[in-house]
Amino acid sequence: MKDYISTEIHDITKDILADYDKKRHIDKLDVFNQPDTKVIYELIQELVRVAYPGFTKDKSYRIYDIRNNLSMVIEDIAFRLNKQIAIALRYGEHPDEEKLEATRLEAQKITLAFLRRIPEIREYLATDVEAVFDGDPAAESADEIIFAYPGLYAITIFRYAHVLYELGVPVIPRIMTELAHSKTGIDINPGATIGKYFMIDHGTGIVIGETTEIGEHVKVYQGVTLGALSTSGGRKLFNKKRHPTIEDNVTIYSGASILGGDTVIGKGAVIGGNVFLTKSIAPGTKVSVKNQELRYNQGKREVQEIEAYPDSAWFYVI
């Protein structure tokens, strides 16, 4: 006697396959003409190795000279990235042979331009490591930061993805930063602009939007949102400044939300925890929440209320 499921599965499968014929975006079946996320994830591992060559091992090769091994890694990056960029450039199109050749040439130019900028990317990363080490007394060494800190990992992926974004590569930069997001909880859009000496402390829950501009020597703690004031305009907001500008030497403590494309946080400002800002702040200003209260209930005793942030030198937001 056949199981009930075996008599039904054929018709159910037929119904599911028929559902792919509705011509919706989710019904796309062309898996061979789109970027390969597995390859991109592997490229990220290789790019991290190029960024910090003394901190990762490649078990695929037995070598005497790490420079020779890195040469092979860089060539592998060039070959596979070039292929993925070519696919991304023609994604969603059905070009003729002439357009395909133009796309192949454009992908090669972009790949070479990207590789030429790796020393510049590493220059920025060196300052990021320095910023974290100088700003985190819990860090025992710069090596520990490179090995273990999720904030630096997210910044590293962002630095690479941002260059690809600047070079006009679609899809791939976002895949890269979303991998970092999934691993660290830190969401940095590849379109954001971030200066040198950028420090993320802890990092979980940080969101940095596409048109955010961040200067140098900026420190950001966990749970910070640098976002858009409103996205109700939908696609009409595409390519418009929606996210804030953070000038040099700004510190933003945990849970703060700073929103809006016209919002500028001036040099040297300090934004306290859980602050919600939609307007610009002058340079050197300290911002905190006014009269936040802590309540202590000790059994049957009356509740005691204590004001937080008693320092009158801070500018309170009400």
C-alpha atoms as a PDB file:
ATOM      1  CA  MET A   1       0.000   0.000   0.000  1.00  0.00           C
ATOM      2  CA  LYS A   2       1.421   3.351  -1.009  1.00  0.00           C
ATOM      3  CA  ASP A   3       1.840   6.146   1.511  1.00  0.00           C
ATOM      4  CA  TYR A   4      -0.667   8.964   1.185  1.00  0.00           C
ATOM      5  CA  ILE A   5       2.162  11.460   0.589  1.00  0.00           C
ATOM      6  CA  SER A   6       3.527   9.516  -2.379  1.00  0.00           C
ATOM      7  CA  THR A   7       0.175   9.744  -4.171  1.00  0.00           C
ATOM      8  CA  GLU A   8       0.009  13.506  -3.709  1.00  0.00           C
ATOM      9  CA  ILE A   9       3.597  14.675  -4.155  1.00  0.00           C
ATOM     10  CA  HIS A  10       3.555  14.533  -7.972  1.00  0.00           C
ATOM     11  CA  ASP A  11       0.603  16.926  -8.271  1.00  0.00           C
ATOM     12  CA  ILE A  12       1.997  19.241  -5.582  1.00  0.00           C
ATOM     13  CA  THR A  13       5.356  19.424  -7.367  1.00  0.00           C
ATOM     14  CA  LYS A  14       3.596  20.177 -10.643  1.00  0.00           C
ATOM     15  CA  ASP A  15       1.676  23.040  -8.999  1.00  0.00           C
ATOM     16  CA  ILE A  16       4.845  24.545  -7.536  1.00  0.00           C
ATOM     17  CA  LEU A  17       6.671  24.402 -10.878  1.00  0.00           C
ATOM     18  CA  ALA A  18       3.682  26.017 -12.595  1.00  0.00           C
ATOM     19  CA  ASP A  19       3.873  28.851 -10.084  1.00  0.00           C
ATOM     20  CA  TYR A  20       7.230  29.884 -11.634  1.00  0.00           C
ATOM     21  CA  ASP A  21       5.448  30.840 -14.873  1.00  0.00           C
ATOM     22  CA  LYS A  22       3.817  33.992 -13.458  1.00  0.00           C
ATOM     23  CA  LYS A  23       6.631  36.280 -14.681  1.00  0.00           C
ATOM     24  CA  ARG A  24       7.192  37.928 -11.272  1.00  0.00           C
ATOM     25  CA  HIS A  25      10.638  38.998 -10.148  1.00  0.00           C
ATOM     26  CA  ILE A  26      10.810  36.064  -7.741  1.00  0.00           C
ATOM     27  CA  ASP A  27      10.160  33.639 -10.618  1.00  0.00           C
ATOM     28  CA  LYS A  28      13.543  34.233 -12.289  1.00  0.00           C
ATOM     29  CA  LEU A  29      15.231  30.910 -13.159  1.00  0.00           C
ATOM     30  CA  ASP A  30      18.446  32.081 -14.846  1.00  0.00           C
ATOM     31  CA  VAL A  31      20.910  31.030 -12.143  1.00  0.00           C
ATOM     32  CA  PHE A  32      23.908  31.052 -14.499  1.00  0.00           C
ATOM     33  CA  ASN A  33      23.645  34.696 -15.566  1.00  0.00           C
ATOM     34  CA  GLN A  34      23.931  36.367 -12.174  1.00  0.00           C
ATOM     35  CA  PRO A  35      26.723  36.895  -9.616  1.00  0.00           C
ATOM     36  CA  ASP A  36      27.667  33.796  -7.650  1.00  0.00           C
ATOM     37  CA  THR A  37      27.446  34.578  -3.927  1.00  0.00           C
ATOM     38  CA  LYS A  38      29.627  31.567  -3.046  1.00  0.00           C
ATOM     39  CA  VAL A  39      32.426  32.862  -5.271  1.00  0.00           C
ATOM     40  CA  ILE A  40      32.054  36.379  -3.841  1.00  0.00           C
ATOM     41  CA  TYR A  41      32.317  35.030  -0.284  1.00  0.00           C
ATOM     42  CA  GLU A  42      35.482  33.163  -1.270  1.00  0.00           C
ATOM     43  CA  LEU A  43      36.866  36.353  -2.832  1.00  0.00           C
ATOM     44  CA  ILE A  44      36.213  38.180   0.450  1.00  0.00           C
ATOM     45  CA  GLN A  45      38.347  35.631   2.299  1.00  0.00           C
ATOM     46  CA  GLU A  46      41.144  36.165  -0.211  1.00  0.00           C
ATOM     47  CA  LEU A  47      40.839  39.959   0.015  1.00  0.00           C
ATOM     48  CA  VAL A  48      41.045  39.806   3.813  1.00  0.00           C
ATOM     49  CA  ARG A  49      44.203  37.751   3.399  1.00  0.00           C
ATOM     50  CA  VAL A  50      45.678  40.369   1.064  1.00  0.00           C
ATOM     51  CA  ALA A  51      44.788  43.080   3.596  1.00  0.00           C
ATOM     52  CA  TYR A  52      46.443  41.249   6.504  1.00  0.00           C
ATOM     53  CA  PRO A  53      48.876  38.736   4.952  1.00  0.00           C
ATOM     54  CA  GLY A  54      50.515  37.709   8.227  1.00  0.00           C
ATOM     55  CA  PHE A  55      47.246  36.820   9.962  1.00  0.00           C
ATOM     56  CA  THR A  56      45.716  34.091   7.774  1.00  0.00           C
ATOM     57  CA  LYS A  57      46.982  30.769   6.467  1.00  0.00           C
ATOM     58  CA  ASP A  58      46.291  29.138   3.131  1.00  0.00           C
ATOM     59  CA  LYS A  59      46.211  25.365   3.576  1.00  0.00           C
ATOM     60  CA  SER A  60      45.892  24.817  -0.174  1.00  0.00           C
ATOM     61  CA  TYR A  61      49.569  25.428  -0.844  1.00  0.00           C
ATOM     62  CA  ARG A  62      52.882  24.376   0.689  1.00  0.00           C
ATOM     63  CA  ILE A  63      55.155  27.363   0.280  1.00  0.00           C
ATOM     64  CA  TYR A  64      58.538  28.712   1.322  1.00  0.00           C
ATOM     65  CA  ASP A  65      57.898  32.321   0.357  1.00  0.00           C
ATOM     66  CA  ILE A  66      54.611  33.945   1.385  1.00  0.00           C
ATOM     67  CA  ARG A  67      55.079  36.637  -1.276  1.00  0.00           C
ATOM     68  CA  ASN A  68      54.923  33.989  -4.008  1.00  0.00           C
ATOM     69  CA  ASN A  69      51.765  32.611  -2.463  1.00  0.00           C
ATOM     70  CA  LEU A  70      50.209  36.077  -2.278  1.00  0.00           C
ATOM     71  CA  SER A  71      51.013  36.559  -5.954  1.00  0.00           C
ATOM     72  CA  MET A  72      48.920  33.489  -6.740  1.00  0.00           C
ATOM     73  CA  VAL A  73      46.118  34.756  -4.485  1.00  0.00           C
ATOM     74  CA  ILE A  74      46.068  38.153  -6.212  1.00  0.00           C
ATOM     75  CA  GLU A  75      45.976  36.510  -9.642  1.00  0.00           C
ATOM     76  CA  ASP A  76      43.096  34.308  -8.504  1.00  0.00           C
ATOM     77  CA  ILE A  77      41.238  37.386  -7.235  1.00  0.00           C
ATOM     78  CA  ALA A  78      41.798  39.095 -10.592  1.00  0.00           C
ATOM     79  CA  PHE A  79      40.511  36.132 -12.594  1.00  0.00           C
ATOM     80  CA  ARG A  80      37.399  35.408 -10.521  1.00  0.00           C
ATOM     81  CA  LEU A  81      36.481  39.005  -9.718  1.00  0.00           C
ATOM     82  CA  ASN A  82      36.734  39.943 -13.402  1.00  0.00           C
ATOM     83  CA  LYS A  83      34.257  37.184 -14.259  1.00  0.00           C
ATOM     84  CA  GLN A  84      31.815  38.213 -11.510  1.00  0.00           C
ATOM     85  CA  ILE A  85      31.989  41.886 -12.488  1.00  0.00           C
ATOM     86  CA  ALA A  86      31.271  41.020 -16.129  1.00  0.00           C
ATOM     87  CA  ILE A  87      28.190  39.063 -15.036  1.00  0.00           C
ATOM     88  CA  ALA A  88      27.047  41.897 -12.765  1.00  0.00           C
ATOM     89  CA  LEU A  89      27.431  44.508 -15.529  1.00  0.00           C
ATOM     90  CA  ARG A  90      25.111  42.616 -17.858  1.00  0.00           C
ATOM     91  CA  TYR A  91      22.779  41.384 -15.102  1.00  0.00           C
ATOM     92  CA  GLY A  92      19.129  41.419 -16.200  1.00  0.00           C
ATOM     93  CA  GLU A  93      20.003  42.085 -19.841  1.00  0.00           C
ATOM     94  CA  HIS A  94      20.283  39.929 -22.948  1.00  0.00           C
ATOM     95  CA  PRO A  95      23.100  41.652 -24.838  1.00  0.00           C
ATOM     96  CA  ASP A  96      24.243  40.792 -28.335  1.00  0.00           C
ATOM     97  CA  GLU A  97      27.825  39.727 -29.058  1.00  0.00           C
ATOM     98  CA  GLU A  98      29.014  43.303 -29.562  1.00  0.00           C
ATOM     99  CA  LYS A  99      27.657  44.400 -26.181  1.00  0.00           C
ATOM    100  CA  LEU A 100      29.090  41.274 -24.554  1.00  0.00           C
ATOM    101  CA  GLU A 101      32.552  42.175 -25.800  1.00  0.00           C
ATOM    102  CA  ALA A 102      32.161  45.743 -24.527  1.00  0.00           C
ATOM    103  CA  THR A 103      31.088  44.383 -21.149  1.00  0.00           C
ATOM    104  CA  ARG A 104      34.094  42.057 -20.995  1.00  0.00           C
ATOM    105  CA  LEU A 105      36.453  44.941 -21.686  1.00  0.00           C
ATOM    106  CA  GLU A 106      34.737  47.151 -19.105  1.00  0.00           C
ATOM    107  CA  ALA A 107      34.981  44.387 -16.496  1.00  0.00           C
ATOM    108  CA  GLN A 108      38.710  44.046 -17.147  1.00  0.00           C
ATOM    109  CA  LYS A 109      39.251  47.796 -16.752  1.00  0.00           C
ATOM    110  CA  ILE A 110      37.301  47.858 -13.487  1.00  0.00           C
ATOM    111  CA  THR A 111      39.134  44.813 -12.127  1.00  0.00           C
ATOM    112  CA  LEU A 112      42.527  46.390 -12.813  1.00  0.00           C
ATOM    113  CA  ALA A 113      41.427  49.736 -11.356  1.00  0.00           C
ATOM    114  CA  PHE A 114      40.248  47.937  -8.213  1.00  0.00           C
ATOM    115  CA  LEU A 115      43.501  46.003  -7.805  1.00  0.00           C
ATOM    116  CA  ARG A 116      45.542  49.192  -8.234  1.00  0.00           C
ATOM    117  CA  ARG A 117      43.651  50.731  -5.295  1.00  0.00           C
ATOM    118  CA  ILE A 118      44.423  47.925  -2.832  1.00  0.00           C
ATOM    119  CA  PRO A 119      47.500  49.746  -1.411  1.00  0.00           C
ATOM    120  CA  GLU A 120      45.229  52.766  -0.769  1.00  0.00           C
ATOM    121  CA  ILE A 121      42.651  50.522   0.922  1.00  0.00           C
ATOM    122  CA  ARG A 122      45.363  49.019   3.138  1.00  0.00           C
ATOM    123  CA  GLU A 123      46.559  52.514   4.049  1.00  0.00           C
ATOM    124  CA  TYR A 124      43.082  53.298   5.372  1.00  0.00           C
ATOM    125  CA  LEU A 125      42.870  49.959   7.186  1.00  0.00           C
ATOM    126  CA  ALA A 126      46.194  50.602   8.923  1.00  0.00           C
ATOM    127  CA  THR A 127      44.730  53.804  10.386  1.00  0.00           C
ATOM    128  CA  ASP A 128      41.554  51.950  11.418  1.00  0.00           C
ATOM    129  CA  VAL A 129      43.605  49.395  13.362  1.00  0.00           C
ATOM    130  CA  GLU A 130      45.527  52.237  14.997  1.00  0.00           C
ATOM    131  CA  ALA A 131      42.290  54.020  15.943  1.00  0.00           C
ATOM    132  CA  VAL A 132      40.840  50.912  17.580  1.00  0.00           C
ATOM    133  CA  PHE A 133      44.042  50.143  19.477  1.00  0.00           C
ATOM    134  CA  ASP A 134      44.378  53.716  20.740  1.00  0.00           C
ATOM    135  CA  GLY A 135      40.690  53.901  21.664  1.00  0.00           C
ATOM    136  CA  ASP A 136      40.138  50.528  23.344  1.00  0.00           C
ATOM    137  CA  PRO A 137      42.039  49.924  26.604  1.00  0.00           C
ATOM    138  CA  ALA A 138      40.815  46.314  26.564  1.00  0.00           C
ATOM    139  CA  ALA A 139      42.855  45.562  23.430  1.00  0.00           C
ATOM    140  CA  GLU A 140      46.095  43.835  24.401  1.00  0.00           C
ATOM    141  CA  SER A 141      47.673  44.320  20.981  1.00  0.00           C
ATOM    142  CA  ALA A 142      46.998  45.374  17.419  1.00  0.00           C
ATOM    143  CA  ASP A 143      47.270  41.689  16.486  1.00  0.00           C
ATOM    144  CA  GLU A 144      44.309  40.884  18.719  1.00  0.00           C
ATOM    145  CA  ILE A 145      42.235  43.509  16.903  1.00  0.00           C
ATOM    146  CA  ILE A 146      43.032  42.064  13.471  1.00  0.00           C
ATOM    147  CA  PHE A 147      42.420  38.496  14.611  1.00  0.00           C
ATOM    148  CA  ALA A 148      39.248  38.983  16.594  1.00  0.00           C
ATOM    149  CA  TYR A 149      37.417  42.317  16.375  1.00  0.00           C
ATOM    150  CA  PRO A 150      34.155  42.184  14.382  1.00  0.00           C
ATOM    151  CA  GLY A 151      34.191  45.968  13.932  1.00  0.00           C
ATOM    152  CA  LEU A 152      37.476  45.832  12.039  1.00  0.00           C
ATOM    153  CA  TYR A 153      36.223  42.913   9.939  1.00  0.00           C
ATOM    154  CA  ALA A 154      33.128  44.898   8.924  1.00  0.00           C
ATOM    155  CA  ILE A 155      35.243  47.965   8.129  1.00  0.00           C
ATOM    156  CA  THR A 156      37.650  45.848   6.061  1.00  0.00           C
ATOM    157  CA  ILE A 157      34.866  44.440   3.888  1.00  0.00           C
ATOM    158  CA  PHE A 158      33.343  47.909   3.591  1.00  0.00           C
ATOM    159  CA  ARG A 159      36.640  49.453   2.405  1.00  0.00           C
ATOM    160  CA  TYR A 160      36.877  46.936  -0.453  1.00  0.00           C
ATOM    161  CA  ALA A 161      33.168  47.123  -1.306  1.00  0.00           C
ATOM    162  CA  HIS A 162      33.196  50.924  -1.337  1.00  0.00           C
ATOM    163  CA  VAL A 163      35.892  51.012  -4.017  1.00  0.00           C
ATOM    164  CA  LEU A 164      33.862  48.637  -6.201  1.00  0.00           C
ATOM    165  CA  TYR A 165      30.826  50.857  -5.554  1.00  0.00           C
ATOM    166  CA  GLU A 166      32.802  53.922  -6.672  1.00  0.00           C
ATOM    167  CA  LEU A 167      33.881  52.060  -9.810  1.00  0.00           C
ATOM    168  CA  GLY A 168      30.232  51.509 -10.742  1.00  0.00           C
ATOM    169  CA  VAL A 169      29.961  47.776 -10.056  1.00  0.00           C
ATOM    170  CA  PRO A 170      26.330  46.782  -9.361  1.00  0.00           C
ATOM    171  CA  VAL A 171      25.131  44.139  -6.874  1.00  0.00           C
ATOM    172  CA  ILE A 172      28.544  42.787  -5.780  1.00  0.00           C
ATOM    173  CA  PRO A 173      29.421  45.547  -3.246  1.00  0.00           C
ATOM    174  CA  ARG A 174      26.100  45.043  -1.459  1.00  0.00           C
ATOM    175  CA  ILE A 175      26.568  41.261  -1.372  1.00  0.00           C
ATOM    176  CA  MET A 176      29.950  41.852   0.263  1.00  0.00           C
ATOM    177  CA  THR A 177      28.743  44.221   2.978  1.00  0.00           C
ATOM    178  CA  GLU A 178      25.683  42.090   3.696  1.00  0.00           C
ATOM    179  CA  LEU A 179      27.989  39.132   4.360  1.00  0.00           C
ATOM    180  CA  ALA A 180      29.807  41.275   6.909  1.00  0.00           C
ATOM    181  CA  HIS A 181      26.399  42.324   8.277  1.00  0.00           C
ATOM    182  CA  SER A 182      25.302  38.710   8.719  1.00  0.00           C
ATOM    183  CA  LYS A 183      28.542  37.797  10.497  1.00  0.00           C
ATOM    184  CA  THR A 184      28.931  40.848  12.738  1.00  0.00           C
ATOM    185  CA  GLY A 185      25.549  42.562  13.050  1.00  0.00           C
ATOM    186  CA  ILE A 186      27.142  45.709  11.581  1.00  0.00           C
ATOM    187  CA  ASP A 187      25.319  47.079   8.525  1.00  0.00           C
ATOM    188  CA  ILE A 188      27.420  49.528   6.475  1.00  0.00           C
ATOM    189  CA  ASN A 189      26.091  50.373   3.042  1.00  0.00           C
ATOM    190  CA  PRO A 190      28.957  50.312   0.479  1.00  0.00           C
ATOM    191  CA  GLY A 191      27.920  53.766  -0.726  1.00  0.00           C
ATOM    192  CA  ALA A 192      28.783  55.459   2.574  1.00  0.00           C
ATOM    193  CA  THR A 193      31.907  57.636   2.691  1.00  0.00           C
ATOM    194  CA  ILE A 194      34.167  56.989   5.700  1.00  0.00           C
ATOM    195  CA  GLY A 195      37.468  58.714   6.421  1.00  0.00           C
ATOM    196  CA  LYS A 196      40.616  57.373   8.045  1.00  0.00           C
ATOM    197  CA  TYR A 197      40.985  56.344  11.704  1.00  0.00           C
ATOM    198  CA  PHE A 198      37.438  54.980  11.941  1.00  0.00           C
ATOM    199  CA  MET A 199      36.678  53.041  15.116  1.00  0.00           C
ATOM    200  CA  ILE A 200      33.729  50.755  15.765  1.00  0.00           C
ATOM    201  CA  ASP A 201      33.535  49.605  19.387  1.00  0.00           C
ATOM    202  CA  HIS A 202      31.599  46.349  19.919  1.00  0.00           C
ATOM    203  CA  GLY A 203      29.476  47.182  16.884  1.00  0.00           C
ATOM    204  CA  THR A 204      26.397  44.952  17.074  1.00  0.00           C
ATOM    205  CA  GLY A 205      23.348  46.743  15.698  1.00  0.00           C
ATOM    206  CA  ILE A 206      25.174  49.600  13.953  1.00  0.00           C
ATOM    207  CA  VAL A 207      23.484  50.856  10.766  1.00  0.00           C
ATOM    208  CA  ILE A 208      25.232  53.294   8.405  1.00  0.00           C
ATOM    209  CA  GLY A 209      23.174  54.361   5.390  1.00  0.00           C
ATOM    210  CA  GLU A 210      24.231  54.781   1.774  1.00  0.00           C
ATOM    211  CA  THR A 211      24.674  58.569   1.667  1.00  0.00           C
ATOM    212  CA  THR A 212      26.272  58.905   5.108  1.00  0.00           C
ATOM    213  CA  GLU A 213      29.484  60.945   5.160  1.00  0.00           C
ATOM    214  CA  ILE A 214      31.912  60.324   8.018  1.00  0.00           C
ATOM    215  CA  GLY A 215      35.112  62.271   8.582  1.00  0.00           C
ATOM    216  CA  GLU A 216      38.352  61.180  10.240  1.00  0.00           C
ATOM    217  CA  HIS A 217      38.933  60.032  13.826  1.00  0.00           C
ATOM    218  CA  VAL A 218      35.261  59.155  14.364  1.00  0.00           C
ATOM    219  CA  LYS A 219      34.272  56.629  17.040  1.00  0.00           C
ATOM    220  CA  VAL A 220      30.928  54.782  16.918  1.00  0.00           C
ATOM    221  CA  TYR A 221      29.535  52.432  19.560  1.00  0.00           C
ATOM    222  CA  GLN A 222      27.047  49.565  19.311  1.00  0.00           C
ATOM    223  CA  GLY A 223      23.432  50.167  18.343  1.00  0.00           C
ATOM    224  CA  VAL A 224      24.050  53.478  16.549  1.00  0.00           C
ATOM    225  CA  THR A 225      21.895  54.331  13.533  1.00  0.00           C
ATOM    226  CA  LEU A 226      23.020  56.857  10.931  1.00  0.00           C
ATOM    227  CA  GLY A 227      19.882  56.714   8.851  1.00  0.00           C
ATOM    228  CA  ALA A 228      17.298  58.436   6.700  1.00  0.00           C
ATOM    229  CA  LEU A 229      14.696  60.673   8.312  1.00  0.00           C
ATOM    230  CA  SER A 230      11.977  59.104   6.169  1.00  0.00           C
ATOM    231  CA  THR A 231      11.827  56.620   3.321  1.00  0.00           C
ATOM    232  CA  SER A 232       8.150  57.214   2.504  1.00  0.00           C
ATOM    233  CA  GLY A 233       9.223  58.767  -0.798  1.00  0.00           C
ATOM    234  CA  GLY A 234      10.445  55.361  -1.972  1.00  0.00           C
ATOM    235  CA  ARG A 235      12.307  55.358  -5.292  1.00  0.00           C
ATOM    236  CA  LYS A 236      11.967  59.160  -5.571  1.00  0.00           C
ATOM    237  CA  LEU A 237      14.741  59.376  -2.951  1.00  0.00           C
ATOM    238  CA  PHE A 238      17.178  57.385  -5.093  1.00  0.00           C
ATOM    239  CA  ASN A 239      20.547  59.165  -5.439  1.00  0.00           C
ATOM    240  CA  LYS A 240      19.490  61.908  -2.973  1.00  0.00           C
ATOM    241  CA  LYS A 241      21.303  62.752   0.256  1.00  0.00           C
ATOM    242  CA  ARG A 242      19.229  60.971   2.886  1.00  0.00           C
ATOM    243  CA  HIS A 243      21.713  60.255   5.648  1.00  0.00           C
ATOM    244  CA  PRO A 244      23.697  62.498   8.020  1.00  0.00           C
ATOM    245  CA  THR A 245      27.166  63.981   7.799  1.00  0.00           C
ATOM    246  CA  ILE A 246      29.522  63.280  10.708  1.00  0.00           C
ATOM    247  CA  GLU A 247      32.541  65.579  10.814  1.00  0.00           C
ATOM    248  CA  ASP A 248      36.006  64.820  12.242  1.00  0.00           C
ATOM    249  CA  ASN A 249      36.686  63.739  15.840  1.00  0.00           C
ATOM    250  CA  VAL A 250      33.056  62.919  16.690  1.00  0.00           C
ATOM    251  CA  THR A 251      32.115  60.250  19.244  1.00  0.00           C
ATOM    252  CA  ILE A 252      28.655  58.627  19.083  1.00  0.00           C
ATOM    253  CA  TYR A 253      27.673  56.477  22.049  1.00  0.00           C
ATOM    254  CA  SER A 254      25.483  53.383  22.055  1.00  0.00           C
ATOM    255  CA  GLY A 255      21.893  53.472  20.921  1.00  0.00           C
ATOM    256  CA  ALA A 256      22.031  56.954  19.385  1.00  0.00           C
ATOM    257  CA  SER A 257      20.018  57.624  16.214  1.00  0.00           C
ATOM    258  CA  ILE A 258      21.067  60.447  13.889  1.00  0.00           C
ATOM    259  CA  LEU A 259      18.768  60.884  10.918  1.00  0.00           C
ATOM    260  CA  GLY A 260      18.388  63.020   7.802  1.00  0.00           C
ATOM    261  CA  GLY A 261      20.440  64.199   4.870  1.00  0.00           C
ATOM    262  CA  ASP A 262      20.578  67.784   6.156  1.00  0.00           C
ATOM    263  CA  THR A 263      21.797  66.768   9.625  1.00  0.00           C
ATOM    264  CA  VAL A 264      25.440  67.665  10.278  1.00  0.00           C
ATOM    265  CA  ILE A 265      27.276  66.717  13.465  1.00  0.00           C
ATOM    266  CA  GLY A 266      30.068  69.270  13.872  1.00  0.00           C
ATOM    267  CA  LYS A 267      33.722  68.553  14.595  1.00  0.00           C
ATOM    268  CA  GLY A 268      34.520  67.286  18.047  1.00  0.00           C
ATOM    269  CA  ALA A 269      30.890  66.773  19.079  1.00  0.00           C
ATOM    270  CA  VAL A 270      29.963  64.013  21.539  1.00  0.00           C
ATOM    271  CA  ILE A 271      26.563  62.345  21.124  1.00  0.00           C
ATOM    272  CA  GLY A 272      25.385  60.547  24.266  1.00  0.00           C
ATOM    273  CA  GLY A 273      23.670  57.184  24.473  1.00  0.00           C
ATOM    274  CA  ASN A 274      20.076  56.811  23.230  1.00  0.00           C
ATOM    275  CA  VAL A 275      19.958  60.362  21.811  1.00  0.00           C
ATOM    276  CA  PHE A 276      17.591  60.876  18.864  1.00  0.00           C
ATOM    277  CA  LEU A 277      18.717  63.677  16.526  1.00  0.00           C
ATOM    278  CA  THR A 278      17.188  65.089  13.356  1.00  0.00           C
ATOM    279  CA  LYS A 279      18.906  68.482  13.387  1.00  0.00           C
ATOM    280  CA  SER A 280      22.470  69.689  13.071  1.00  0.00           C
ATOM    281  CA  ILE A 281      24.778  70.063  16.067  1.00  0.00           C
ATOM    282  CA  ALA A 282      27.478  72.744  16.337  1.00  0.00           C
ATOM    283  CA  PRO A 283      31.149  71.723  16.631  1.00  0.00           C
ATOM    284  CA  GLY A 284      32.292  70.785  20.124  1.00  0.00           C
ATOM    285  CA  THR A 285      28.766  70.266  21.485  1.00  0.00           C
ATOM    286  CA  LYS A 286      27.956  67.479  23.941  1.00  0.00           C
ATOM    287  CA  VAL A 287      24.462  66.056  23.588  1.00  0.00           C
ATOM    288  CA  SER A 288      22.555  63.835  26.013  1.00  0.00           C
ATOM    289  CA  VAL A 289      19.005  62.995  27.024  1.00  0.00           C
ATOM    290  CA  LYS A 290      17.590  65.365  29.681  1.00  0.00           C
ATOM    291  CA  ASN A 291      16.414  64.131  33.080  1.00  0.00           C
ATOM    292  CA  GLN A 292      16.576  60.448  32.384  1.00  0.00           C
ATOM    293  CA  GLU A 293      15.528  58.715  35.603  1.00  0.00           C
ATOM    294  CA  LEU A 294      16.585  55.475  37.188  1.00  0.00           C
ATOM    295  CA  ARG A 295      14.120  53.714  39.516  1.00  0.00           C
ATOM    296  CA  TYR A 296      15.156  51.331  42.291  1.00  0.00           C
ATOM    297  CA  ASN A 297      12.498  49.180  43.930  1.00  0.00           C
ATOM    298  CA  GLN A 298      13.860  47.396  46.999  1.00  0.00           C
ATOM    299  CA  GLY A 299      11.138  45.079  48.181  1.00  0.00           C
ATOM    300  CA  LYS A 300       8.362  47.039  49.985  1.00  0.00           C
ATOM    301  CA  ARG A 301      10.374  50.244  50.174  1.00  0.00           C
ATOM    302  CA  GLU A 302       9.304  53.285  48.245  1.00  0.00           C
ATOM    303  CA  VAL A 303      10.732  53.704  44.749  1.00  0.00           C
ATOM    304  CA  GLN A 304      13.779  55.973  44.671  1.00  0.00           C
ATOM    305  CA  GLU A 305      14.259  58.212  41.626  1.00  0.00           C
ATOM    306  CA  ILE A 306      17.715  59.407  40.632  1.00  0.00           C
ATOM    307  CA  GLU A 307      18.489  61.720  37.708  1.00  0.00           C
ATOM    308  CA  ALA A 308      21.033  60.496  35.217  1.00  0.00           C
ATOM    309  CA  TYR A 309      23.410  62.834  33.350  1.00  0.00           C
ATOM    310  CA  PRO A 310      23.758  65.490  36.088  1.00  0.00           C
ATOM    311  CA  ASP A 311      26.675  67.208  34.337  1.00  0.00           C
ATOM    312  CA  SER A 312      25.403  70.678  33.356  1.00  0.00           C
ATOM    313  CA  ALA A 313      28.175  71.075  30.770  1.00  0.00           C
ATOM    314  CA  TRP A 314      26.201  68.839  28.444  1.00  0.00           C
ATOM    315  CA  PHE A 315      23.640  70.196  26.020  1.00  0.00           C
ATOM    316  CA  TYR A 316      20.385  68.359  26.750  1.00  0.00           C
ATOM    317  CA  VAL A 317      17.934  67.386  24.022  1.00  0.00           C
ATOM    318  CA  ILE A 318      14.243  67.721  24.997  1.00  0.00           C
END
